[in-house]
Each structure stands twice: as structure tokens, then as C-alpha cells.
Amino acid sequence: MGKKSKPRKSWREKLADSKDLPKVEKITEKMSKRWGTGTVVIPAPTEVDEIMRKVPEGKLITINEIREILAKKHGATICCPITTGIFAWIAANAAEEAALEGERNITPYWRTLKTGGIINDKYPSGIEGQKMLLEMEGHKVIQKGKKYVVVDYEKHLVKL
């Protein structure tokens, strides 16, 4: 018999697993070329989800706004863009997983955009699904090259 493989974690289990996060660290010399000096917060996945969850219908947020909120919350210079993006993706998949099981109160991940108002094509419902959900909430989505952008997204950004 081969090794028993561990059952894969569900998206919601991944979201709930904060490991030892959040944590604030000094920006290393290597990172400072890209991020400047000071401190960087590596947020917990649930913190990213919490902010995404607060975006009301008709409003939007970008990953950069989420990063600003988290940096301020933890008194850090910046919030790590890589983990924030990954945790937003996990939150989106956890929400979709919950929706498939009949949950109604899910994180409205389609309201979280990339920089420049770009729809995240890695989110579970893909471009088409998010475009439909955003249009149902009154937004206009257009294609720019290979990307899909919410028109005048800046006017709809939520202030949290």
C-alpha cells in the first residue's frame, strides 16, 4: 500500500488557517529597492476576506486599497502585495465553495478589482461570471486589449 495522502484542504480551511499571521517585519535591503524602507505587514487571510466582505453592493475596492487599509491597521509602511493578492484569491474561492453549498452570505469577491479597475481573471467565476455580477450591480465593463475593466471604477470605490 502506498502512503495515505492527506485530504486536500477546502478553500474555507485555507482561509481560516492564519498560521502565524499577521506579522510586521522590517523591509530587508533586498526588498527596499522595490518597496522603499520601513516595515511590511504580511496580513492574515481572514483580514483580507474581512475587508472584501465589507464592500456593499454597487461599490468596489482594489487590492491596493485593501493593502492601504491593512498597512494602516498594523502601523506598517506597506502591506505585502503578493500575499494580499493570494489571500484575496483564496477568499474568492472560499466564497464560491460556500455558494455551491447553498450559503447566501458570501464574500462578494467580484467587487475586488486589480489595480486600474481590472477584473481578476483568476477568480472562480472567471471574467464572464464577474462581468455579469458587476453589470447586475450597475457597473459597465469593457474590454481593453486582453483585460476587462470596470468603467469609471474610481467613482465607485468604497471608503472603509
N, C-alpha and C. Protein backbone atom coordinates (compact mmCIF):
# COMPACT_ATOMS: atom_id res chain seq x y z
N MET A 1 0.83 -1.19 0.00
CA MET A 1 0.00 0.00 0.00
C MET A 1 0.87 1.24 0.00
N GLY A 2 0.42 2.23 -0.79
CA GLY A 2 1.15 3.50 -0.83
C GLY A 2 0.82 4.34 0.38
N LYS A 3 1.50 5.45 0.44
CA LYS A 3 1.23 6.38 1.54
C LYS A 3 -0.17 6.94 1.42
N LYS A 4 -0.82 7.06 2.56
CA LYS A 4 -2.15 7.68 2.53
C LYS A 4 -1.96 9.17 2.31
N SER A 5 -2.63 9.69 1.31
CA SER A 5 -2.48 11.13 1.11
C SER A 5 -3.49 11.86 1.99
N LYS A 6 -3.04 12.98 2.50
CA LYS A 6 -3.92 13.78 3.35
C LYS A 6 -5.03 14.35 2.47
N PRO A 7 -6.25 14.41 2.99
CA PRO A 7 -7.30 15.04 2.19
C PRO A 7 -6.93 16.50 1.97
N ARG A 8 -7.20 16.99 0.77
CA ARG A 8 -6.87 18.37 0.47
C ARG A 8 -7.73 19.31 1.31
N LYS A 9 -7.14 20.40 1.70
CA LYS A 9 -7.87 21.39 2.48
C LYS A 9 -8.90 22.07 1.59
N SER A 10 -10.05 22.35 2.17
CA SER A 10 -11.05 23.12 1.43
C SER A 10 -10.57 24.58 1.39
N TRP A 11 -11.16 25.35 0.51
CA TRP A 11 -10.81 26.77 0.42
C TRP A 11 -11.10 27.48 1.74
N ARG A 12 -12.20 27.10 2.39
CA ARG A 12 -12.54 27.76 3.66
C ARG A 12 -11.55 27.39 4.76
N GLU A 13 -11.02 26.16 4.71
CA GLU A 13 -9.98 25.79 5.68
C GLU A 13 -8.71 26.59 5.42
N LYS A 14 -8.38 26.77 4.14
CA LYS A 14 -7.20 27.58 3.80
C LYS A 14 -7.38 29.01 4.28
N LEU A 15 -8.59 29.54 4.11
CA LEU A 15 -8.88 30.90 4.53
C LEU A 15 -8.75 31.06 6.05
N ALA A 16 -9.19 30.05 6.78
CA ALA A 16 -9.18 30.10 8.25
C ALA A 16 -7.79 29.86 8.84
N ASP A 17 -6.87 29.30 8.05
CA ASP A 17 -5.54 28.94 8.54
C ASP A 17 -4.62 30.15 8.48
N SER A 18 -4.53 30.88 9.59
CA SER A 18 -3.72 32.09 9.61
C SER A 18 -2.24 31.83 9.89
N LYS A 19 -1.87 30.58 10.12
CA LYS A 19 -0.50 30.23 10.50
C LYS A 19 -0.08 31.18 11.62
N ASP A 20 0.98 31.96 11.41
CA ASP A 20 1.37 32.91 12.46
C ASP A 20 1.19 34.35 11.98
N LEU A 21 0.17 34.54 11.14
CA LEU A 21 -0.07 35.87 10.57
C LEU A 21 -1.21 36.55 11.31
N PRO A 22 -1.31 37.84 11.31
CA PRO A 22 -0.45 38.79 10.60
C PRO A 22 0.88 39.00 11.33
N LYS A 23 1.87 39.45 10.57
CA LYS A 23 3.12 39.86 11.21
C LYS A 23 3.74 41.02 10.44
N VAL A 24 4.37 41.88 11.20
CA VAL A 24 5.03 43.05 10.62
C VAL A 24 6.53 42.82 10.69
N GLU A 25 7.20 43.02 9.56
CA GLU A 25 8.64 42.81 9.51
C GLU A 25 9.31 44.03 8.89
N LYS A 26 10.58 44.17 9.20
CA LYS A 26 11.34 45.26 8.60
C LYS A 26 11.56 44.91 7.13
N ILE A 27 11.46 45.93 6.27
CA ILE A 27 11.72 45.70 4.85
C ILE A 27 13.22 45.47 4.70
N THR A 28 13.59 44.33 4.14
CA THR A 28 15.01 43.99 4.01
C THR A 28 15.65 44.85 2.93
N GLU A 29 16.97 44.89 2.94
CA GLU A 29 17.70 45.70 1.96
C GLU A 29 17.36 45.26 0.54
N LYS A 30 17.24 43.95 0.37
CA LYS A 30 16.92 43.40 -0.95
C LYS A 30 15.54 43.88 -1.43
N MET A 31 14.56 43.90 -0.52
CA MET A 31 13.21 44.33 -0.88
C MET A 31 13.09 45.85 -1.01
N SER A 32 14.01 46.58 -0.39
CA SER A 32 13.86 48.04 -0.34
C SER A 32 13.99 48.70 -1.71
N LYS A 33 14.69 48.07 -2.64
CA LYS A 33 14.80 48.62 -4.00
C LYS A 33 13.40 48.73 -4.62
N ARG A 34 12.58 47.77 -4.31
CA ARG A 34 11.24 47.73 -4.89
C ARG A 34 10.20 48.45 -4.02
N TRP A 35 10.33 48.31 -2.70
CA TRP A 35 9.29 48.77 -1.79
C TRP A 35 9.68 49.96 -0.93
N GLY A 36 10.92 50.43 -1.02
CA GLY A 36 11.34 51.52 -0.15
C GLY A 36 11.73 50.96 1.21
N THR A 37 11.83 51.86 2.20
CA THR A 37 12.26 51.42 3.53
C THR A 37 11.08 51.45 4.49
N GLY A 38 11.30 50.85 5.64
CA GLY A 38 10.25 50.82 6.66
C GLY A 38 9.85 49.41 7.00
N THR A 39 8.54 49.20 7.16
CA THR A 39 8.05 47.88 7.56
C THR A 39 6.97 47.40 6.59
N VAL A 40 6.84 46.09 6.52
CA VAL A 40 5.83 45.47 5.67
C VAL A 40 4.98 44.54 6.55
N VAL A 41 3.67 44.61 6.37
CA VAL A 41 2.81 43.68 7.08
C VAL A 41 2.43 42.55 6.13
N ILE A 42 2.54 41.34 6.64
CA ILE A 42 2.03 40.18 5.91
C ILE A 42 0.72 39.86 6.62
N PRO A 43 -0.41 40.14 5.94
CA PRO A 43 -1.70 40.01 6.62
C PRO A 43 -2.12 38.54 6.78
N ALA A 44 -3.11 38.34 7.62
CA ALA A 44 -3.72 37.02 7.73
C ALA A 44 -4.79 36.92 6.64
N PRO A 45 -5.02 35.73 6.09
CA PRO A 45 -6.04 35.58 5.04
C PRO A 45 -7.41 36.12 5.46
N THR A 46 -7.77 35.89 6.73
CA THR A 46 -9.09 36.33 7.19
C THR A 46 -9.22 37.85 7.20
N GLU A 47 -8.10 38.57 7.39
CA GLU A 47 -8.14 40.04 7.38
C GLU A 47 -8.49 40.56 5.99
N VAL A 48 -7.93 39.92 4.97
CA VAL A 48 -8.21 40.31 3.59
C VAL A 48 -9.68 40.03 3.28
N ASP A 49 -10.15 38.86 3.68
CA ASP A 49 -11.54 38.47 3.47
C ASP A 49 -12.50 39.43 4.18
N GLU A 50 -12.14 39.81 5.41
CA GLU A 50 -12.97 40.72 6.20
C GLU A 50 -13.22 42.04 5.46
N ILE A 51 -12.17 42.58 4.86
CA ILE A 51 -12.30 43.84 4.12
C ILE A 51 -13.14 43.62 2.85
N MET A 52 -12.87 42.55 2.13
CA MET A 52 -13.63 42.25 0.91
C MET A 52 -15.11 42.11 1.21
N ARG A 53 -15.40 41.53 2.37
CA ARG A 53 -16.78 41.27 2.79
C ARG A 53 -17.57 42.55 3.07
N LYS A 54 -16.84 43.63 3.42
CA LYS A 54 -17.48 44.90 3.79
C LYS A 54 -17.88 45.75 2.59
N VAL A 55 -17.50 45.36 1.38
CA VAL A 55 -17.79 46.17 0.20
C VAL A 55 -19.26 45.98 -0.18
N PRO A 56 -20.08 47.03 -0.05
CA PRO A 56 -21.51 46.88 -0.32
C PRO A 56 -21.83 46.82 -1.82
N GLU A 57 -23.02 46.35 -2.10
CA GLU A 57 -23.48 46.27 -3.49
C GLU A 57 -23.35 47.63 -4.17
N GLY A 58 -22.86 47.62 -5.40
CA GLY A 58 -22.71 48.86 -6.15
C GLY A 58 -21.36 49.54 -5.92
N LYS A 59 -20.62 49.09 -4.90
CA LYS A 59 -19.31 49.67 -4.60
C LYS A 59 -18.20 48.70 -5.00
N LEU A 60 -16.98 49.22 -5.05
CA LEU A 60 -15.83 48.42 -5.46
C LEU A 60 -14.64 48.73 -4.56
N ILE A 61 -13.64 47.86 -4.63
CA ILE A 61 -12.38 48.09 -3.94
C ILE A 61 -11.29 47.47 -4.82
N THR A 62 -10.07 47.98 -4.70
CA THR A 62 -8.96 47.34 -5.41
C THR A 62 -8.02 46.72 -4.37
N ILE A 63 -7.18 45.82 -4.84
CA ILE A 63 -6.20 45.18 -3.96
C ILE A 63 -5.34 46.26 -3.29
N ASN A 64 -5.01 47.33 -4.03
CA ASN A 64 -4.19 48.39 -3.43
C ASN A 64 -4.88 49.07 -2.26
N GLU A 65 -6.20 49.29 -2.36
CA GLU A 65 -6.93 49.88 -1.23
C GLU A 65 -6.92 48.93 -0.04
N ILE A 66 -7.09 47.65 -0.31
CA ILE A 66 -7.04 46.65 0.77
C ILE A 66 -5.67 46.72 1.45
N ARG A 67 -4.61 46.83 0.65
CA ARG A 67 -3.25 46.91 1.19
C ARG A 67 -3.06 48.16 2.05
N GLU A 68 -3.62 49.28 1.60
CA GLU A 68 -3.51 50.53 2.38
C GLU A 68 -4.21 50.40 3.73
N ILE A 69 -5.41 49.81 3.71
CA ILE A 69 -6.18 49.62 4.95
C ILE A 69 -5.39 48.75 5.93
N LEU A 70 -4.81 47.66 5.42
CA LEU A 70 -4.08 46.73 6.28
C LEU A 70 -2.77 47.33 6.79
N ALA A 71 -2.07 48.09 5.96
CA ALA A 71 -0.82 48.74 6.39
C ALA A 71 -1.13 49.70 7.54
N LYS A 72 -2.20 50.49 7.36
CA LYS A 72 -2.61 51.45 8.38
C LYS A 72 -3.01 50.72 9.67
N LYS A 73 -3.79 49.66 9.53
CA LYS A 73 -4.26 48.89 10.69
C LYS A 73 -3.10 48.39 11.55
N HIS A 74 -2.02 47.96 10.87
CA HIS A 74 -0.88 47.36 11.58
C HIS A 74 0.27 48.34 11.79
N GLY A 75 0.07 49.60 11.41
CA GLY A 75 1.13 50.59 11.59
C GLY A 75 2.37 50.29 10.77
N ALA A 76 2.18 49.66 9.61
CA ALA A 76 3.31 49.31 8.75
C ALA A 76 3.39 50.30 7.59
N THR A 77 4.56 50.40 6.99
CA THR A 77 4.75 51.28 5.85
C THR A 77 3.92 50.79 4.67
N ILE A 78 4.00 49.49 4.41
CA ILE A 78 3.24 48.89 3.30
C ILE A 78 2.67 47.54 3.72
N CYS A 79 1.79 47.01 2.88
CA CYS A 79 1.25 45.66 3.07
C CYS A 79 1.73 44.84 1.88
N CYS A 80 2.15 43.64 2.13
CA CYS A 80 2.72 42.78 1.09
C CYS A 80 1.72 42.56 -0.07
N PRO A 81 2.11 42.97 -1.29
CA PRO A 81 1.19 42.81 -2.42
C PRO A 81 0.99 41.35 -2.82
N ILE A 82 2.00 40.52 -2.63
CA ILE A 82 1.92 39.13 -3.08
C ILE A 82 0.94 38.35 -2.21
N THR A 83 1.14 38.39 -0.88
CA THR A 83 0.23 37.63 -0.01
C THR A 83 -1.18 38.21 -0.05
N THR A 84 -1.31 39.53 -0.17
CA THR A 84 -2.65 40.13 -0.22
C THR A 84 -3.40 39.61 -1.44
N GLY A 85 -2.73 39.56 -2.58
CA GLY A 85 -3.35 39.03 -3.81
C GLY A 85 -3.73 37.57 -3.68
N ILE A 86 -2.83 36.79 -3.10
CA ILE A 86 -3.09 35.36 -2.91
C ILE A 86 -4.27 35.15 -1.96
N PHE A 87 -4.30 35.92 -0.87
CA PHE A 87 -5.38 35.75 0.11
C PHE A 87 -6.73 36.21 -0.45
N ALA A 88 -6.72 37.21 -1.32
CA ALA A 88 -7.97 37.65 -1.98
C ALA A 88 -8.48 36.51 -2.87
N TRP A 89 -7.56 35.83 -3.54
CA TRP A 89 -7.90 34.70 -4.42
C TRP A 89 -8.46 33.54 -3.58
N ILE A 90 -7.84 33.27 -2.43
CA ILE A 90 -8.35 32.22 -1.54
C ILE A 90 -9.74 32.60 -1.03
N ALA A 91 -9.93 33.88 -0.65
CA ALA A 91 -11.24 34.35 -0.16
C ALA A 91 -12.30 34.17 -1.25
N ALA A 92 -11.94 34.47 -2.49
CA ALA A 92 -12.88 34.33 -3.62
C ALA A 92 -13.28 32.86 -3.79
N ASN A 93 -12.31 31.98 -3.74
CA ASN A 93 -12.60 30.55 -3.90
C ASN A 93 -13.38 29.99 -2.72
N ALA A 94 -13.10 30.49 -1.52
CA ALA A 94 -13.85 30.06 -0.33
C ALA A 94 -15.30 30.51 -0.45
N ALA A 95 -15.51 31.71 -0.98
CA ALA A 95 -16.87 32.24 -1.16
C ALA A 95 -17.64 31.40 -2.17
N GLU A 96 -16.98 31.06 -3.26
CA GLU A 96 -17.62 30.25 -4.30
C GLU A 96 -17.95 28.86 -3.77
N GLU A 97 -17.02 28.29 -2.99
CA GLU A 97 -17.23 26.98 -2.37
C GLU A 97 -18.48 27.03 -1.47
N ALA A 98 -18.59 28.09 -0.68
CA ALA A 98 -19.74 28.26 0.22
C ALA A 98 -21.03 28.42 -0.59
N ALA A 99 -20.96 29.19 -1.67
CA ALA A 99 -22.14 29.42 -2.52
C ALA A 99 -22.62 28.11 -3.13
N LEU A 100 -21.69 27.26 -3.55
CA LEU A 100 -22.05 25.97 -4.14
C LEU A 100 -22.74 25.06 -3.12
N GLU A 101 -22.48 25.32 -1.84
CA GLU A 101 -23.13 24.54 -0.78
C GLU A 101 -24.40 25.23 -0.28
N GLY A 102 -24.83 26.26 -1.01
CA GLY A 102 -26.09 26.90 -0.68
C GLY A 102 -26.03 28.09 0.25
N GLU A 103 -24.81 28.47 0.66
CA GLU A 103 -24.71 29.65 1.54
C GLU A 103 -25.04 30.90 0.75
N ARG A 104 -25.73 31.82 1.37
CA ARG A 104 -26.14 33.07 0.71
C ARG A 104 -25.21 34.23 1.07
N ASN A 105 -24.78 34.27 2.32
CA ASN A 105 -23.97 35.38 2.79
C ASN A 105 -22.48 35.11 2.51
N ILE A 106 -22.09 35.30 1.27
CA ILE A 106 -20.70 35.02 0.90
C ILE A 106 -19.95 36.33 0.64
N THR A 107 -18.63 36.24 0.65
CA THR A 107 -17.79 37.39 0.34
C THR A 107 -18.02 37.77 -1.12
N PRO A 108 -18.40 39.03 -1.39
CA PRO A 108 -18.66 39.47 -2.77
C PRO A 108 -17.35 39.77 -3.51
N TYR A 109 -16.60 38.71 -3.81
CA TYR A 109 -15.25 38.85 -4.36
C TYR A 109 -15.19 39.60 -5.69
N TRP A 110 -16.28 39.56 -6.47
CA TRP A 110 -16.30 40.22 -7.77
C TRP A 110 -16.17 41.74 -7.64
N ARG A 111 -16.38 42.25 -6.42
CA ARG A 111 -16.26 43.69 -6.19
C ARG A 111 -14.82 44.09 -5.89
N THR A 112 -13.91 43.11 -5.77
CA THR A 112 -12.50 43.39 -5.52
C THR A 112 -11.77 43.30 -6.85
N LEU A 113 -11.22 44.44 -7.27
CA LEU A 113 -10.56 44.53 -8.57
C LEU A 113 -9.05 44.65 -8.42
N LYS A 114 -8.37 44.42 -9.53
CA LYS A 114 -6.94 44.65 -9.56
C LYS A 114 -6.70 46.15 -9.81
N THR A 115 -5.47 46.57 -9.72
CA THR A 115 -5.10 47.96 -9.98
C THR A 115 -5.65 48.39 -11.34
N GLY A 116 -6.17 49.60 -11.40
CA GLY A 116 -6.69 50.10 -12.67
C GLY A 116 -8.10 49.64 -12.97
N GLY A 117 -8.78 49.01 -11.98
CA GLY A 117 -10.16 48.59 -12.18
C GLY A 117 -10.31 47.34 -13.02
N ILE A 118 -9.26 46.55 -13.09
CA ILE A 118 -9.25 45.34 -13.92
C ILE A 118 -9.87 44.16 -13.16
N ILE A 119 -10.74 43.44 -13.85
CA ILE A 119 -11.35 42.23 -13.28
C ILE A 119 -10.28 41.15 -13.15
N ASN A 120 -10.29 40.45 -12.02
CA ASN A 120 -9.30 39.39 -11.79
C ASN A 120 -9.75 38.10 -12.48
N ASP A 121 -9.06 37.74 -13.55
CA ASP A 121 -9.44 36.56 -14.33
C ASP A 121 -9.15 35.25 -13.60
N LYS A 122 -8.46 35.31 -12.46
CA LYS A 122 -8.17 34.09 -11.71
C LYS A 122 -9.27 33.77 -10.69
N TYR A 123 -10.23 34.67 -10.51
CA TYR A 123 -11.31 34.41 -9.56
C TYR A 123 -12.21 33.31 -10.12
N PRO A 124 -12.89 32.57 -9.24
CA PRO A 124 -13.61 31.36 -9.64
C PRO A 124 -14.63 31.51 -10.76
N SER A 125 -15.39 32.58 -10.80
CA SER A 125 -16.42 32.66 -11.85
C SER A 125 -15.86 33.19 -13.16
N GLY A 126 -14.55 33.43 -13.21
CA GLY A 126 -13.92 33.89 -14.44
C GLY A 126 -14.41 35.28 -14.83
N ILE A 127 -13.90 35.77 -15.95
CA ILE A 127 -14.27 37.10 -16.43
C ILE A 127 -15.77 37.20 -16.67
N GLU A 128 -16.34 36.22 -17.36
CA GLU A 128 -17.76 36.30 -17.71
C GLU A 128 -18.67 36.34 -16.49
N GLY A 129 -18.40 35.48 -15.52
CA GLY A 129 -19.22 35.43 -14.32
C GLY A 129 -19.16 36.74 -13.54
N GLN A 130 -17.95 37.28 -13.39
CA GLN A 130 -17.79 38.53 -12.65
C GLN A 130 -18.40 39.70 -13.41
N LYS A 131 -18.22 39.70 -14.72
CA LYS A 131 -18.78 40.75 -15.57
C LYS A 131 -20.31 40.79 -15.38
N MET A 132 -20.92 39.62 -15.39
CA MET A 132 -22.36 39.53 -15.22
C MET A 132 -22.78 40.07 -13.84
N LEU A 133 -22.06 39.63 -12.78
CA LEU A 133 -22.39 40.07 -11.42
C LEU A 133 -22.20 41.58 -11.27
N LEU A 134 -21.12 42.11 -11.84
CA LEU A 134 -20.86 43.55 -11.76
C LEU A 134 -21.91 44.35 -12.53
N GLU A 135 -22.29 43.85 -13.70
CA GLU A 135 -23.31 44.54 -14.50
C GLU A 135 -24.66 44.51 -13.80
N MET A 136 -24.96 43.41 -13.10
CA MET A 136 -26.21 43.33 -12.33
C MET A 136 -26.25 44.38 -11.22
N GLU A 137 -25.05 44.80 -10.77
CA GLU A 137 -24.95 45.82 -9.72
C GLU A 137 -24.80 47.22 -10.31
N GLY A 138 -24.97 47.34 -11.63
CA GLY A 138 -24.98 48.66 -12.25
C GLY A 138 -23.66 49.15 -12.83
N HIS A 139 -22.64 48.30 -12.85
CA HIS A 139 -21.36 48.72 -13.42
C HIS A 139 -21.30 48.41 -14.91
N LYS A 140 -20.47 49.16 -15.61
CA LYS A 140 -20.26 48.90 -17.03
C LYS A 140 -18.86 48.32 -17.18
N VAL A 141 -18.75 47.19 -17.86
CA VAL A 141 -17.47 46.52 -18.03
C VAL A 141 -17.11 46.54 -19.51
N ILE A 142 -15.89 46.97 -19.81
CA ILE A 142 -15.44 46.98 -21.21
C ILE A 142 -14.14 46.19 -21.34
N GLN A 143 -13.88 45.76 -22.55
CA GLN A 143 -12.63 45.03 -22.81
C GLN A 143 -11.60 46.02 -23.32
N LYS A 144 -10.41 45.96 -22.72
CA LYS A 144 -9.27 46.78 -23.16
C LYS A 144 -8.14 45.81 -23.46
N GLY A 145 -7.91 45.54 -24.72
CA GLY A 145 -6.91 44.53 -25.07
C GLY A 145 -7.38 43.18 -24.56
N LYS A 146 -6.55 42.53 -23.74
CA LYS A 146 -6.93 41.22 -23.19
C LYS A 146 -7.62 41.35 -21.84
N LYS A 147 -7.64 42.57 -21.29
CA LYS A 147 -8.18 42.77 -19.96
C LYS A 147 -9.61 43.31 -20.00
N TYR A 148 -10.34 43.06 -18.94
CA TYR A 148 -11.69 43.61 -18.78
C TYR A 148 -11.65 44.60 -17.62
N VAL A 149 -12.16 45.79 -17.88
CA VAL A 149 -12.07 46.88 -16.92
C VAL A 149 -13.46 47.42 -16.59
N VAL A 150 -13.66 47.79 -15.32
CA VAL A 150 -14.90 48.43 -14.90
C VAL A 150 -14.76 49.93 -15.21
N VAL A 151 -15.66 50.45 -16.05
CA VAL A 151 -15.64 51.85 -16.46
C VAL A 151 -15.87 52.75 -15.23
N ASP A 152 -15.07 53.80 -15.12
CA ASP A 152 -15.19 54.76 -14.01
C ASP A 152 -15.20 54.10 -12.64
N TYR A 153 -14.42 53.03 -12.50
CA TYR A 153 -14.40 52.29 -11.23
C TYR A 153 -14.05 53.21 -10.05
N GLU A 154 -13.21 54.24 -10.31
CA GLU A 154 -12.77 55.14 -9.24
C GLU A 154 -13.96 55.80 -8.54
N LYS A 155 -15.01 56.08 -9.32
CA LYS A 155 -16.19 56.76 -8.77
C LYS A 155 -16.98 55.85 -7.82
N HIS A 156 -16.69 54.56 -7.88
CA HIS A 156 -17.46 53.59 -7.08
C HIS A 156 -16.65 52.97 -5.96
N LEU A 157 -15.43 53.48 -5.74
CA LEU A 157 -14.60 52.89 -4.70
C LEU A 157 -15.20 53.16 -3.32
N VAL A 158 -15.20 52.16 -2.49
CA VAL A 158 -15.77 52.25 -1.15
C VAL A 158 -14.74 52.90 -0.23
N LYS A 159 -15.21 53.64 0.73
CA LYS A 159 -14.32 54.20 1.76
C LYS A 159 -14.55 53.40 3.03
N LEU A 160 -13.58 52.59 3.39
CA LEU A 160 -13.72 51.76 4.60
C LEU A 160 -12.85 52.30 5.72
